[in-house]
N, C-alpha and C. Protein backbone atom coordinates (compact mmCIF):
# COMPACT_ATOMS: atom_id res chain seq x y z
N UNK A 1 17.18 -21.78 -13.88
CA UNK A 1 17.78 -22.69 -12.92
C UNK A 1 17.07 -24.03 -12.98
N UNK A 2 17.86 -25.11 -13.00
CA UNK A 2 17.28 -26.45 -13.04
C UNK A 2 16.76 -26.83 -11.66
N UNK A 3 16.06 -27.95 -11.62
CA UNK A 3 15.42 -28.37 -10.38
C UNK A 3 16.42 -28.72 -9.29
N UNK A 4 17.54 -29.34 -9.63
CA UNK A 4 18.50 -29.77 -8.62
C UNK A 4 19.07 -28.61 -7.80
N UNK A 5 19.56 -27.52 -8.43
CA UNK A 5 20.01 -26.39 -7.62
C UNK A 5 18.90 -25.77 -6.79
N UNK A 6 17.68 -25.72 -7.33
CA UNK A 6 16.55 -25.18 -6.59
C UNK A 6 16.31 -25.98 -5.31
N UNK A 7 16.40 -27.29 -5.42
CA UNK A 7 16.22 -28.13 -4.24
C UNK A 7 17.26 -27.82 -3.17
N UNK A 8 18.50 -27.61 -3.60
CA UNK A 8 19.55 -27.28 -2.63
C UNK A 8 19.24 -25.97 -1.91
N UNK A 9 18.84 -24.93 -2.66
CA UNK A 9 18.52 -23.66 -2.03
C UNK A 9 17.34 -23.79 -1.07
N UNK A 10 16.31 -24.54 -1.46
CA UNK A 10 15.15 -24.73 -0.60
C UNK A 10 15.55 -25.40 0.72
N UNK A 11 16.51 -26.29 0.65
CA UNK A 11 16.96 -26.98 1.85
C UNK A 11 17.92 -26.12 2.66
N UNK A 12 18.95 -25.58 2.00
CA UNK A 12 19.99 -24.83 2.72
C UNK A 12 19.44 -23.60 3.44
N UNK A 13 18.46 -22.92 2.84
CA UNK A 13 17.96 -21.67 3.42
C UNK A 13 16.56 -21.82 4.00
N UNK A 14 16.19 -23.05 4.26
CA UNK A 14 14.94 -23.34 4.96
C UNK A 14 15.11 -23.06 6.46
N UNK A 15 14.05 -22.63 7.15
CA UNK A 15 14.14 -22.48 8.60
C UNK A 15 14.50 -23.77 9.32
N UNK A 16 14.27 -24.91 8.64
CA UNK A 16 14.57 -26.20 9.25
C UNK A 16 16.05 -26.58 9.13
N UNK A 17 16.83 -25.88 8.30
CA UNK A 17 18.24 -26.22 8.16
C UNK A 17 18.96 -25.86 9.46
N UNK A 18 19.77 -26.77 9.98
CA UNK A 18 20.29 -26.62 11.35
C UNK A 18 21.43 -25.62 11.51
N UNK A 19 21.11 -24.33 11.34
CA UNK A 19 22.10 -23.29 11.62
C UNK A 19 21.74 -22.49 12.87
N UNK A 20 20.56 -22.75 13.44
CA UNK A 20 20.16 -22.07 14.67
C UNK A 20 19.68 -20.66 14.47
N UNK A 21 19.20 -20.32 13.26
CA UNK A 21 18.78 -18.96 12.98
C UNK A 21 17.69 -18.46 13.92
N UNK A 22 16.83 -19.36 14.40
CA UNK A 22 15.73 -18.98 15.28
C UNK A 22 16.22 -18.40 16.61
N UNK A 23 17.51 -18.60 16.93
CA UNK A 23 18.05 -18.13 18.21
C UNK A 23 18.57 -16.70 18.15
N UNK A 24 18.67 -16.13 16.95
CA UNK A 24 19.31 -14.83 16.77
C UNK A 24 18.30 -13.81 16.24
N UNK A 25 18.21 -12.65 16.92
CA UNK A 25 17.25 -11.62 16.50
C UNK A 25 17.92 -10.48 15.74
N UNK A 26 19.25 -10.48 15.62
CA UNK A 26 19.94 -9.46 14.83
C UNK A 26 19.70 -8.06 15.41
N UNK A 27 19.54 -8.01 16.74
CA UNK A 27 19.26 -6.75 17.40
C UNK A 27 17.79 -6.37 17.41
N UNK A 28 16.94 -7.13 16.73
CA UNK A 28 15.52 -6.80 16.64
C UNK A 28 14.84 -6.85 18.00
N UNK A 29 15.28 -7.77 18.86
CA UNK A 29 14.66 -7.88 20.18
C UNK A 29 14.79 -6.58 20.97
N UNK A 30 15.89 -5.87 20.78
CA UNK A 30 16.08 -4.60 21.48
C UNK A 30 15.01 -3.59 21.10
N UNK A 31 14.78 -3.41 19.80
CA UNK A 31 13.81 -2.40 19.37
C UNK A 31 12.37 -2.85 19.61
N UNK A 32 12.14 -4.15 19.72
CA UNK A 32 10.83 -4.62 20.13
C UNK A 32 10.59 -4.26 21.59
N UNK A 33 11.62 -4.46 22.43
CA UNK A 33 11.50 -4.12 23.84
C UNK A 33 11.29 -2.62 24.04
N UNK A 34 11.82 -1.81 23.13
CA UNK A 34 11.67 -0.34 23.21
C UNK A 34 10.45 0.16 22.46
N UNK A 35 9.63 -0.76 21.92
CA UNK A 35 8.41 -0.44 21.18
C UNK A 35 8.66 0.33 19.89
N UNK A 36 9.88 0.30 19.39
CA UNK A 36 10.16 0.89 18.07
C UNK A 36 9.51 0.02 16.99
N UNK A 37 9.68 -1.29 17.12
CA UNK A 37 8.97 -2.24 16.27
C UNK A 37 7.87 -2.84 17.11
N UNK A 38 6.62 -2.61 16.69
CA UNK A 38 5.49 -3.02 17.53
C UNK A 38 4.29 -3.51 16.73
N UNK A 39 4.36 -3.43 15.40
CA UNK A 39 3.25 -3.90 14.59
C UNK A 39 3.77 -4.26 13.20
N UNK A 40 2.85 -4.62 12.31
CA UNK A 40 3.24 -5.07 10.97
C UNK A 40 3.98 -3.98 10.20
N UNK A 41 3.49 -2.76 10.27
CA UNK A 41 4.08 -1.68 9.49
C UNK A 41 5.50 -1.36 9.96
N UNK A 42 5.69 -1.30 11.27
CA UNK A 42 7.02 -0.96 11.79
C UNK A 42 8.01 -2.09 11.54
N UNK A 43 7.54 -3.34 11.59
CA UNK A 43 8.42 -4.47 11.28
C UNK A 43 8.84 -4.44 9.82
N UNK A 44 7.88 -4.20 8.94
CA UNK A 44 8.20 -4.14 7.51
C UNK A 44 9.21 -3.04 7.22
N UNK A 45 9.04 -1.87 7.82
CA UNK A 45 9.97 -0.77 7.60
C UNK A 45 11.36 -1.11 8.12
N UNK A 46 11.42 -1.79 9.26
CA UNK A 46 12.71 -2.16 9.85
C UNK A 46 13.48 -3.12 8.94
N UNK A 47 12.80 -4.17 8.50
CA UNK A 47 13.46 -5.17 7.66
C UNK A 47 13.83 -4.55 6.31
N UNK A 48 12.95 -3.73 5.76
CA UNK A 48 13.24 -3.09 4.47
C UNK A 48 14.49 -2.22 4.55
N UNK A 49 14.65 -1.50 5.65
CA UNK A 49 15.84 -0.67 5.82
C UNK A 49 17.10 -1.51 5.88
N UNK A 50 17.03 -2.66 6.53
CA UNK A 50 18.20 -3.54 6.61
C UNK A 50 18.57 -4.11 5.24
N UNK A 51 17.56 -4.49 4.48
CA UNK A 51 17.83 -5.06 3.16
C UNK A 51 18.38 -4.01 2.20
N UNK A 52 17.83 -2.83 2.22
CA UNK A 52 18.23 -1.79 1.27
C UNK A 52 19.48 -1.05 1.69
N UNK A 53 19.66 -0.85 3.01
CA UNK A 53 20.71 0.05 3.46
C UNK A 53 21.59 -0.51 4.58
N UNK A 54 21.32 -1.72 5.04
CA UNK A 54 22.03 -2.23 6.19
C UNK A 54 22.73 -3.55 5.96
N UNK A 55 22.68 -4.40 6.96
CA UNK A 55 23.41 -5.66 6.92
C UNK A 55 22.90 -6.61 5.84
N UNK A 56 21.62 -6.49 5.47
CA UNK A 56 21.12 -7.33 4.38
C UNK A 56 21.85 -7.04 3.09
N UNK A 57 22.04 -5.75 2.78
CA UNK A 57 22.76 -5.38 1.57
C UNK A 57 24.24 -5.76 1.67
N UNK A 58 24.87 -5.45 2.78
CA UNK A 58 26.29 -5.77 2.96
C UNK A 58 26.55 -7.25 2.80
N UNK A 59 25.74 -8.07 3.44
CA UNK A 59 25.92 -9.52 3.33
C UNK A 59 25.68 -10.01 1.91
N UNK A 60 24.75 -9.39 1.20
CA UNK A 60 24.49 -9.80 -0.18
C UNK A 60 25.71 -9.51 -1.07
N UNK A 61 26.36 -8.38 -0.87
CA UNK A 61 27.56 -8.05 -1.63
C UNK A 61 28.68 -9.04 -1.30
N UNK A 62 28.85 -9.35 -0.03
CA UNK A 62 29.90 -10.29 0.38
C UNK A 62 29.61 -11.70 -0.11
N UNK A 63 28.34 -12.08 -0.12
CA UNK A 63 27.95 -13.39 -0.67
C UNK A 63 28.33 -13.45 -2.14
N UNK A 64 28.07 -12.38 -2.87
CA UNK A 64 28.43 -12.33 -4.29
C UNK A 64 29.93 -12.49 -4.49
N UNK A 65 30.71 -11.81 -3.69
CA UNK A 65 32.17 -11.91 -3.79
C UNK A 65 32.63 -13.34 -3.50
N UNK A 66 32.06 -13.96 -2.48
CA UNK A 66 32.43 -15.34 -2.14
C UNK A 66 32.03 -16.29 -3.26
N UNK A 67 30.86 -16.07 -3.84
CA UNK A 67 30.39 -16.91 -4.95
C UNK A 67 31.35 -16.80 -6.12
N UNK A 68 31.72 -15.58 -6.49
CA UNK A 68 32.63 -15.37 -7.62
C UNK A 68 34.00 -16.01 -7.36
N UNK A 69 34.51 -15.88 -6.16
CA UNK A 69 35.82 -16.46 -5.84
C UNK A 69 35.76 -17.98 -5.84
N UNK A 70 34.63 -18.52 -5.40
CA UNK A 70 34.51 -19.98 -5.34
C UNK A 70 34.40 -20.60 -6.72
N UNK A 71 33.89 -19.87 -7.70
CA UNK A 71 33.78 -20.42 -9.04
C UNK A 71 35.14 -20.73 -9.65
N UNK A 72 36.17 -20.04 -9.16
CA UNK A 72 37.54 -20.30 -9.64
C UNK A 72 38.38 -20.99 -8.58
N UNK A 73 37.73 -21.47 -7.52
CA UNK A 73 38.43 -22.15 -6.43
C UNK A 73 39.58 -21.32 -5.88
N UNK A 74 39.35 -20.02 -5.76
CA UNK A 74 40.39 -19.10 -5.28
C UNK A 74 40.33 -19.03 -3.76
N UNK A 75 41.03 -19.94 -3.11
CA UNK A 75 40.97 -20.05 -1.65
C UNK A 75 41.48 -18.79 -0.96
N UNK A 76 42.54 -18.19 -1.49
CA UNK A 76 43.10 -16.99 -0.87
C UNK A 76 42.09 -15.84 -0.91
N UNK A 77 41.41 -15.71 -2.03
CA UNK A 77 40.42 -14.64 -2.15
C UNK A 77 39.24 -14.88 -1.22
N UNK A 78 38.79 -16.12 -1.11
CA UNK A 78 37.69 -16.42 -0.19
C UNK A 78 38.10 -16.11 1.24
N UNK A 79 39.33 -16.46 1.60
CA UNK A 79 39.81 -16.17 2.95
C UNK A 79 39.83 -14.67 3.21
N UNK A 80 40.23 -13.89 2.22
CA UNK A 80 40.23 -12.43 2.37
C UNK A 80 38.80 -11.90 2.55
N UNK A 81 37.88 -12.44 1.79
CA UNK A 81 36.48 -12.01 1.89
C UNK A 81 35.92 -12.37 3.26
N UNK A 82 36.25 -13.57 3.74
CA UNK A 82 35.79 -14.00 5.07
C UNK A 82 36.34 -13.06 6.15
N UNK A 83 37.60 -12.68 6.02
CA UNK A 83 38.21 -11.77 7.00
C UNK A 83 37.53 -10.40 6.95
N UNK A 84 37.24 -9.92 5.75
CA UNK A 84 36.56 -8.64 5.61
C UNK A 84 35.16 -8.70 6.20
N UNK A 85 34.43 -9.76 5.90
CA UNK A 85 33.07 -9.91 6.42
C UNK A 85 33.09 -9.95 7.94
N UNK A 86 34.06 -10.62 8.51
CA UNK A 86 34.20 -10.68 9.97
C UNK A 86 34.48 -9.28 10.52
N UNK A 87 35.35 -8.54 9.88
CA UNK A 87 35.73 -7.21 10.36
C UNK A 87 34.58 -6.21 10.29
N UNK A 88 33.67 -6.41 9.36
CA UNK A 88 32.58 -5.46 9.17
C UNK A 88 31.44 -5.63 10.18
N UNK A 89 31.44 -6.71 10.93
CA UNK A 89 30.37 -6.94 11.90
C UNK A 89 30.52 -5.92 13.05
N UNK A 90 29.46 -5.18 13.38
CA UNK A 90 29.61 -4.05 14.30
C UNK A 90 29.55 -4.36 15.79
N UNK A 91 29.22 -5.59 16.17
CA UNK A 91 29.10 -5.87 17.60
C UNK A 91 29.44 -7.33 17.89
N UNK A 92 29.72 -7.60 19.16
CA UNK A 92 30.11 -8.95 19.58
C UNK A 92 29.02 -9.97 19.30
N UNK A 93 27.79 -9.63 19.67
CA UNK A 93 26.71 -10.60 19.48
C UNK A 93 26.42 -10.85 18.00
N UNK A 94 26.47 -9.81 17.19
CA UNK A 94 26.25 -10.01 15.76
C UNK A 94 27.39 -10.83 15.16
N UNK A 95 28.60 -10.66 15.68
CA UNK A 95 29.72 -11.48 15.20
C UNK A 95 29.49 -12.94 15.55
N UNK A 96 29.03 -13.19 16.76
CA UNK A 96 28.73 -14.57 17.17
C UNK A 96 27.63 -15.15 16.29
N UNK A 97 26.64 -14.34 15.97
CA UNK A 97 25.55 -14.77 15.09
C UNK A 97 26.07 -15.20 13.73
N UNK A 98 26.93 -14.38 13.15
CA UNK A 98 27.46 -14.65 11.80
C UNK A 98 28.37 -15.86 11.78
N UNK A 99 29.31 -15.92 12.72
CA UNK A 99 30.29 -17.00 12.70
C UNK A 99 29.69 -18.34 13.13
N UNK A 100 28.80 -18.30 14.10
CA UNK A 100 28.19 -19.56 14.57
C UNK A 100 27.32 -20.17 13.48
N UNK A 101 26.56 -19.33 12.79
CA UNK A 101 25.72 -19.86 11.72
C UNK A 101 26.56 -20.30 10.52
N UNK A 102 27.65 -19.59 10.26
CA UNK A 102 28.53 -20.00 9.18
C UNK A 102 29.14 -21.37 9.43
N UNK A 103 29.60 -21.58 10.66
CA UNK A 103 30.19 -22.87 11.01
C UNK A 103 29.13 -23.98 10.95
N UNK A 104 27.94 -23.69 11.47
CA UNK A 104 26.87 -24.69 11.45
C UNK A 104 26.44 -25.01 10.03
N UNK A 105 26.40 -24.00 9.17
CA UNK A 105 26.02 -24.23 7.77
C UNK A 105 27.02 -25.15 7.08
N UNK A 106 28.31 -24.88 7.24
CA UNK A 106 29.33 -25.70 6.58
C UNK A 106 29.30 -27.14 7.11
N UNK A 107 29.03 -27.29 8.40
CA UNK A 107 28.94 -28.64 8.97
C UNK A 107 27.76 -29.40 8.38
N UNK A 108 26.60 -28.76 8.34
CA UNK A 108 25.41 -29.43 7.82
C UNK A 108 25.51 -29.68 6.32
N UNK A 109 26.17 -28.78 5.60
CA UNK A 109 26.27 -28.91 4.15
C UNK A 109 27.21 -30.03 3.72
N UNK A 110 27.92 -30.64 4.66
CA UNK A 110 28.78 -31.77 4.31
C UNK A 110 27.99 -32.95 3.77
N UNK A 111 26.69 -32.94 4.02
CA UNK A 111 25.84 -33.99 3.45
C UNK A 111 25.88 -33.96 1.93
N UNK A 112 26.26 -32.81 1.35
CA UNK A 112 26.41 -32.67 -0.10
C UNK A 112 27.87 -32.74 -0.50
N UNK A 113 28.71 -33.32 0.33
CA UNK A 113 30.14 -33.49 0.07
C UNK A 113 30.80 -32.14 -0.21
N UNK A 114 30.42 -31.14 0.57
CA UNK A 114 30.96 -29.80 0.39
C UNK A 114 32.48 -29.79 0.56
N UNK A 115 33.01 -30.55 1.50
CA UNK A 115 34.45 -30.54 1.75
C UNK A 115 35.23 -30.92 0.50
N UNK A 116 34.63 -31.77 -0.33
CA UNK A 116 35.34 -32.20 -1.54
C UNK A 116 35.29 -31.15 -2.63
N UNK A 117 34.40 -30.16 -2.49
CA UNK A 117 34.20 -29.18 -3.54
C UNK A 117 34.76 -27.80 -3.19
N UNK A 118 34.71 -27.45 -1.91
CA UNK A 118 35.16 -26.13 -1.50
C UNK A 118 36.67 -26.11 -1.31
N UNK A 119 37.32 -25.01 -1.70
CA UNK A 119 38.74 -24.87 -1.38
C UNK A 119 38.90 -24.69 0.12
N UNK A 120 40.01 -25.09 0.70
CA UNK A 120 40.20 -24.93 2.14
C UNK A 120 40.50 -23.47 2.49
N UNK A 121 39.51 -22.78 3.05
CA UNK A 121 39.73 -21.38 3.38
C UNK A 121 39.66 -21.10 4.87
N UNK A 122 39.61 -22.14 5.68
CA UNK A 122 39.78 -21.99 7.12
C UNK A 122 38.58 -21.46 7.87
N UNK A 123 38.78 -21.28 9.16
CA UNK A 123 37.75 -20.78 10.06
C UNK A 123 38.30 -19.56 10.78
N UNK A 124 37.42 -18.70 11.29
CA UNK A 124 35.97 -18.77 11.19
C UNK A 124 35.46 -18.27 9.85
N UNK A 125 34.27 -18.71 9.48
CA UNK A 125 33.68 -18.31 8.20
C UNK A 125 32.33 -17.65 8.44
N UNK A 126 32.18 -16.37 8.14
CA UNK A 126 30.87 -15.73 8.28
C UNK A 126 29.80 -16.44 7.44
N UNK A 127 28.58 -16.36 7.90
CA UNK A 127 27.47 -17.09 7.30
C UNK A 127 27.31 -16.77 5.81
N UNK A 128 27.31 -15.48 5.45
CA UNK A 128 27.09 -15.12 4.04
C UNK A 128 28.20 -15.65 3.14
N UNK A 129 29.42 -15.69 3.64
CA UNK A 129 30.55 -16.22 2.86
C UNK A 129 30.40 -17.73 2.69
N UNK A 130 30.01 -18.41 3.75
CA UNK A 130 29.82 -19.86 3.68
C UNK A 130 28.75 -20.22 2.65
N UNK A 131 27.66 -19.50 2.64
CA UNK A 131 26.57 -19.79 1.70
C UNK A 131 27.00 -19.49 0.27
N UNK A 132 27.62 -18.34 0.05
CA UNK A 132 28.04 -17.98 -1.30
C UNK A 132 29.04 -18.95 -1.88
N UNK A 133 30.05 -19.30 -1.10
CA UNK A 133 31.07 -20.22 -1.58
C UNK A 133 30.50 -21.61 -1.84
N UNK A 134 29.63 -22.06 -0.97
CA UNK A 134 29.03 -23.39 -1.13
C UNK A 134 28.12 -23.44 -2.34
N UNK A 135 27.32 -22.40 -2.55
CA UNK A 135 26.43 -22.37 -3.70
C UNK A 135 27.22 -22.45 -5.01
N UNK A 136 28.29 -21.68 -5.11
CA UNK A 136 29.09 -21.71 -6.34
C UNK A 136 29.74 -23.07 -6.54
N UNK A 137 30.21 -23.66 -5.45
CA UNK A 137 30.86 -24.97 -5.55
C UNK A 137 29.90 -26.04 -6.07
N UNK A 138 28.61 -25.83 -5.86
CA UNK A 138 27.61 -26.80 -6.33
C UNK A 138 26.89 -26.30 -7.58
N UNK A 139 27.45 -25.28 -8.24
CA UNK A 139 26.89 -24.74 -9.48
C UNK A 139 25.47 -24.23 -9.32
N UNK A 140 25.17 -23.68 -8.14
CA UNK A 140 23.89 -23.03 -7.92
C UNK A 140 24.03 -21.58 -8.39
N UNK A 141 23.22 -21.10 -9.31
CA UNK A 141 23.39 -19.76 -9.87
C UNK A 141 23.33 -18.66 -8.80
N UNK A 142 24.01 -17.57 -9.09
CA UNK A 142 24.15 -16.50 -8.11
C UNK A 142 22.83 -15.79 -7.83
N UNK A 143 22.11 -15.37 -8.85
CA UNK A 143 20.91 -14.57 -8.62
C UNK A 143 19.86 -15.28 -7.76
N UNK A 144 19.54 -16.56 -8.05
CA UNK A 144 18.61 -17.25 -7.16
C UNK A 144 19.15 -17.42 -5.75
N UNK A 145 20.46 -17.61 -5.62
CA UNK A 145 21.06 -17.74 -4.29
C UNK A 145 20.86 -16.46 -3.49
N UNK A 146 21.09 -15.32 -4.12
CA UNK A 146 20.89 -14.04 -3.44
C UNK A 146 19.43 -13.82 -3.07
N UNK A 147 18.54 -14.17 -3.97
CA UNK A 147 17.11 -14.01 -3.69
C UNK A 147 16.70 -14.87 -2.50
N UNK A 148 17.15 -16.13 -2.50
CA UNK A 148 16.82 -17.03 -1.40
C UNK A 148 17.46 -16.57 -0.09
N UNK A 149 18.69 -16.07 -0.19
CA UNK A 149 19.38 -15.58 1.01
C UNK A 149 18.62 -14.41 1.64
N UNK A 150 18.26 -13.42 0.84
CA UNK A 150 17.56 -12.25 1.36
C UNK A 150 16.16 -12.61 1.87
N UNK A 151 15.51 -13.53 1.17
CA UNK A 151 14.20 -13.97 1.65
C UNK A 151 14.34 -14.70 2.99
N UNK A 152 15.37 -15.53 3.12
CA UNK A 152 15.60 -16.21 4.39
C UNK A 152 15.90 -15.23 5.51
N UNK A 153 16.67 -14.18 5.20
CA UNK A 153 16.98 -13.13 6.17
C UNK A 153 15.70 -12.46 6.65
N UNK A 154 14.85 -12.08 5.71
CA UNK A 154 13.59 -11.43 6.06
C UNK A 154 12.66 -12.38 6.81
N UNK A 155 12.63 -13.62 6.40
CA UNK A 155 11.75 -14.61 7.04
C UNK A 155 12.14 -14.84 8.49
N UNK A 156 13.45 -14.91 8.76
CA UNK A 156 13.89 -15.16 10.13
C UNK A 156 13.52 -13.98 11.03
N UNK A 157 13.74 -12.75 10.56
CA UNK A 157 13.38 -11.58 11.36
C UNK A 157 11.87 -11.51 11.57
N UNK A 158 11.10 -11.88 10.56
CA UNK A 158 9.65 -11.90 10.72
C UNK A 158 9.23 -12.92 11.76
N UNK A 159 9.88 -14.07 11.74
CA UNK A 159 9.58 -15.11 12.74
C UNK A 159 9.91 -14.64 14.15
N UNK A 160 11.03 -13.90 14.28
CA UNK A 160 11.40 -13.34 15.58
C UNK A 160 10.28 -12.43 16.09
N UNK A 161 9.82 -11.53 15.22
CA UNK A 161 8.79 -10.58 15.60
C UNK A 161 7.47 -11.27 15.93
N UNK A 162 7.16 -12.32 15.20
CA UNK A 162 5.91 -13.04 15.47
C UNK A 162 5.91 -13.61 16.88
N UNK A 163 7.10 -13.98 17.37
CA UNK A 163 7.19 -14.51 18.73
C UNK A 163 7.33 -13.43 19.79
N UNK A 164 8.03 -12.35 19.47
CA UNK A 164 8.40 -11.38 20.50
C UNK A 164 7.49 -10.16 20.56
N UNK A 165 6.81 -9.77 19.46
CA UNK A 165 5.97 -8.57 19.54
C UNK A 165 4.75 -8.79 20.43
N UNK A 166 3.91 -9.81 20.22
CA UNK A 166 3.90 -10.79 19.12
C UNK A 166 3.02 -10.32 17.97
N UNK A 167 3.26 -10.92 16.80
CA UNK A 167 2.44 -10.69 15.63
C UNK A 167 1.76 -12.00 15.22
N UNK A 168 0.63 -11.90 14.60
CA UNK A 168 -0.05 -13.09 14.10
C UNK A 168 0.58 -13.57 12.80
N UNK A 169 0.28 -14.79 12.43
CA UNK A 169 0.83 -15.35 11.21
C UNK A 169 0.36 -14.59 9.97
N UNK A 170 -0.87 -14.09 9.99
CA UNK A 170 -1.37 -13.33 8.85
C UNK A 170 -0.55 -12.07 8.63
N UNK A 171 -0.23 -11.37 9.71
CA UNK A 171 0.60 -10.18 9.60
C UNK A 171 2.01 -10.54 9.13
N UNK A 172 2.55 -11.65 9.63
CA UNK A 172 3.89 -12.07 9.22
C UNK A 172 3.96 -12.36 7.73
N UNK A 173 2.98 -13.06 7.22
CA UNK A 173 2.94 -13.36 5.79
C UNK A 173 2.78 -12.08 4.98
N UNK A 174 1.99 -11.15 5.48
CA UNK A 174 1.79 -9.88 4.78
C UNK A 174 3.09 -9.09 4.68
N UNK A 175 3.91 -9.14 5.71
CA UNK A 175 5.21 -8.47 5.68
C UNK A 175 6.08 -9.06 4.59
N UNK A 176 6.16 -10.38 4.54
CA UNK A 176 6.99 -11.04 3.53
C UNK A 176 6.48 -10.76 2.12
N UNK A 177 5.17 -10.73 1.94
CA UNK A 177 4.61 -10.43 0.63
C UNK A 177 4.98 -9.01 0.20
N UNK A 178 4.91 -8.08 1.12
CA UNK A 178 5.21 -6.69 0.80
C UNK A 178 6.69 -6.47 0.49
N UNK A 179 7.55 -7.31 1.05
CA UNK A 179 8.98 -7.16 0.86
C UNK A 179 9.49 -7.81 -0.43
N UNK A 180 8.66 -8.57 -1.11
CA UNK A 180 9.12 -9.29 -2.31
C UNK A 180 9.75 -8.38 -3.36
N UNK A 181 9.13 -7.26 -3.74
CA UNK A 181 9.78 -6.42 -4.76
C UNK A 181 11.15 -5.92 -4.33
N UNK A 182 11.29 -5.54 -3.08
CA UNK A 182 12.58 -5.06 -2.59
C UNK A 182 13.62 -6.17 -2.60
N UNK A 183 13.21 -7.37 -2.20
CA UNK A 183 14.14 -8.51 -2.20
C UNK A 183 14.63 -8.79 -3.62
N UNK A 184 13.72 -8.80 -4.58
CA UNK A 184 14.10 -9.07 -5.97
C UNK A 184 15.03 -7.98 -6.51
N UNK A 185 14.71 -6.73 -6.21
CA UNK A 185 15.54 -5.62 -6.69
C UNK A 185 16.92 -5.65 -6.05
N UNK A 186 16.98 -5.91 -4.75
CA UNK A 186 18.27 -5.95 -4.05
C UNK A 186 19.12 -7.11 -4.54
N UNK A 187 18.51 -8.26 -4.76
CA UNK A 187 19.25 -9.42 -5.28
C UNK A 187 19.83 -9.11 -6.66
N UNK A 188 19.06 -8.44 -7.50
CA UNK A 188 19.53 -8.09 -8.84
C UNK A 188 20.70 -7.12 -8.76
N UNK A 189 20.64 -6.14 -7.87
CA UNK A 189 21.74 -5.18 -7.72
C UNK A 189 22.98 -5.87 -7.16
N UNK A 190 22.77 -6.73 -6.19
CA UNK A 190 23.91 -7.41 -5.56
C UNK A 190 24.61 -8.35 -6.52
N UNK A 191 23.87 -8.93 -7.46
CA UNK A 191 24.44 -9.90 -8.39
C UNK A 191 25.49 -9.27 -9.30
N UNK A 192 25.42 -7.97 -9.49
CA UNK A 192 26.40 -7.28 -10.35
C UNK A 192 27.27 -6.33 -9.52
N UNK A 193 27.31 -6.55 -8.22
CA UNK A 193 28.05 -5.66 -7.33
C UNK A 193 29.51 -6.10 -7.21
N UNK A 194 30.31 -5.24 -6.61
CA UNK A 194 31.69 -5.54 -6.25
C UNK A 194 31.94 -5.00 -4.86
N UNK A 195 33.14 -5.16 -4.35
CA UNK A 195 33.45 -4.64 -3.02
C UNK A 195 33.35 -3.12 -2.98
N UNK A 196 33.44 -2.47 -4.12
CA UNK A 196 33.27 -1.01 -4.16
C UNK A 196 31.85 -0.60 -3.77
N UNK A 197 30.91 -1.54 -3.83
CA UNK A 197 29.52 -1.23 -3.50
C UNK A 197 29.21 -1.48 -2.03
N UNK A 198 30.18 -1.92 -1.26
CA UNK A 198 29.96 -2.13 0.16
C UNK A 198 29.65 -0.81 0.85
N UNK A 199 28.75 -0.87 1.81
CA UNK A 199 28.41 0.33 2.56
C UNK A 199 27.05 0.17 3.19
N UNK A 200 26.90 0.64 4.41
CA UNK A 200 25.63 0.52 5.11
C UNK A 200 25.41 1.76 5.96
N UNK A 201 24.14 2.10 6.16
CA UNK A 201 23.83 3.27 6.98
C UNK A 201 22.64 2.99 7.90
N UNK A 202 22.44 1.74 8.28
CA UNK A 202 21.37 1.37 9.21
C UNK A 202 21.92 1.42 10.64
N UNK A 203 22.27 2.63 11.08
CA UNK A 203 22.96 2.79 12.36
C UNK A 203 22.08 2.40 13.56
N UNK A 204 20.78 2.64 13.45
CA UNK A 204 19.89 2.27 14.55
C UNK A 204 19.96 0.77 14.82
N UNK A 205 20.01 -0.01 13.76
CA UNK A 205 20.11 -1.46 13.92
C UNK A 205 21.43 -1.86 14.58
N UNK A 206 22.52 -1.23 14.15
CA UNK A 206 23.82 -1.56 14.73
C UNK A 206 23.86 -1.22 16.22
N UNK A 207 23.30 -0.07 16.59
CA UNK A 207 23.28 0.32 17.99
C UNK A 207 22.37 -0.61 18.80
N UNK A 208 21.24 -0.99 18.21
CA UNK A 208 20.34 -1.92 18.89
C UNK A 208 21.02 -3.26 19.15
N UNK A 209 21.83 -3.71 18.18
CA UNK A 209 22.57 -4.96 18.37
C UNK A 209 23.58 -4.84 19.50
N UNK A 210 24.23 -3.69 19.61
CA UNK A 210 25.19 -3.46 20.70
C UNK A 210 24.51 -3.42 22.06
N UNK A 211 23.31 -2.84 22.10
CA UNK A 211 22.60 -2.69 23.37
C UNK A 211 21.88 -3.96 23.80
N UNK A 212 21.77 -4.92 22.89
CA UNK A 212 21.00 -6.12 23.20
C UNK A 212 21.53 -6.86 24.42
N UNK A 213 22.84 -6.90 24.57
CA UNK A 213 23.41 -7.68 25.68
C UNK A 213 23.08 -7.11 27.04
N UNK A 214 22.57 -5.87 27.10
CA UNK A 214 22.22 -5.27 28.39
C UNK A 214 20.73 -5.39 28.71
N UNK A 215 19.94 -6.02 27.84
CA UNK A 215 18.51 -6.19 28.12
C UNK A 215 18.33 -7.02 29.38
N UNK A 216 17.36 -6.64 30.17
CA UNK A 216 17.10 -7.37 31.43
C UNK A 216 16.59 -8.78 31.13
N UNK A 217 15.66 -8.88 30.17
CA UNK A 217 15.13 -10.18 29.78
C UNK A 217 15.43 -10.37 28.29
N UNK A 218 16.05 -11.50 27.97
CA UNK A 218 16.40 -11.78 26.57
C UNK A 218 15.92 -13.18 26.18
N UNK A 219 15.23 -13.25 25.06
CA UNK A 219 14.82 -14.53 24.52
C UNK A 219 15.82 -15.05 23.47
N UNK A 220 16.63 -14.14 22.92
CA UNK A 220 17.48 -14.47 21.79
C UNK A 220 18.95 -14.18 22.11
N UNK A 221 19.85 -14.79 21.36
CA UNK A 221 21.27 -14.66 21.61
C UNK A 221 21.80 -13.32 21.12
N UNK A 222 21.18 -12.77 20.10
CA UNK A 222 21.64 -11.47 19.56
C UNK A 222 20.45 -10.54 19.35
């Protein structure tokens, strides 16, 4: 990958990119409140399960599909993928998380004249679909995009835990370091995936996301 696409990924998937990721815990706040996630080891296991078997994997497959469709400017196919990604979200708050960040990403990415490059596939657009389609439109290779996407996913959840458990920065960095092999392996698998590979079994996370709206005290939107 040349330097120019790398710069785009560093910006688009940086915590500073204005999609509001810091506001969404992806149901993690629920299991922190229940002491299921309470230290470095339990946080690492939680995120690893999501990447390998849950929403991290599902979103990576959908990102790949959006990337492939965008390379041929297939607006109808991208719209179908967006609809499927929306339908697969298991709860109201997680749906708000996906669609709100997708809309914010497309708005912020206009600084790179995204509207002139992306086919018109309408709204709402789930976050993973928005990133995949935009990356392809700017000739950013798929494998690095998936790696950066999954790393950003893990980084945001780690940041949530650092604030809500709380965990120290040293523990947070250790979690991300330990997850690197899994992120690389998952990105490689997702890069050659198809919709036939869709599937998730991280049911505890899905239930935690559903129960989040009933928490007495909430710091996060999801």
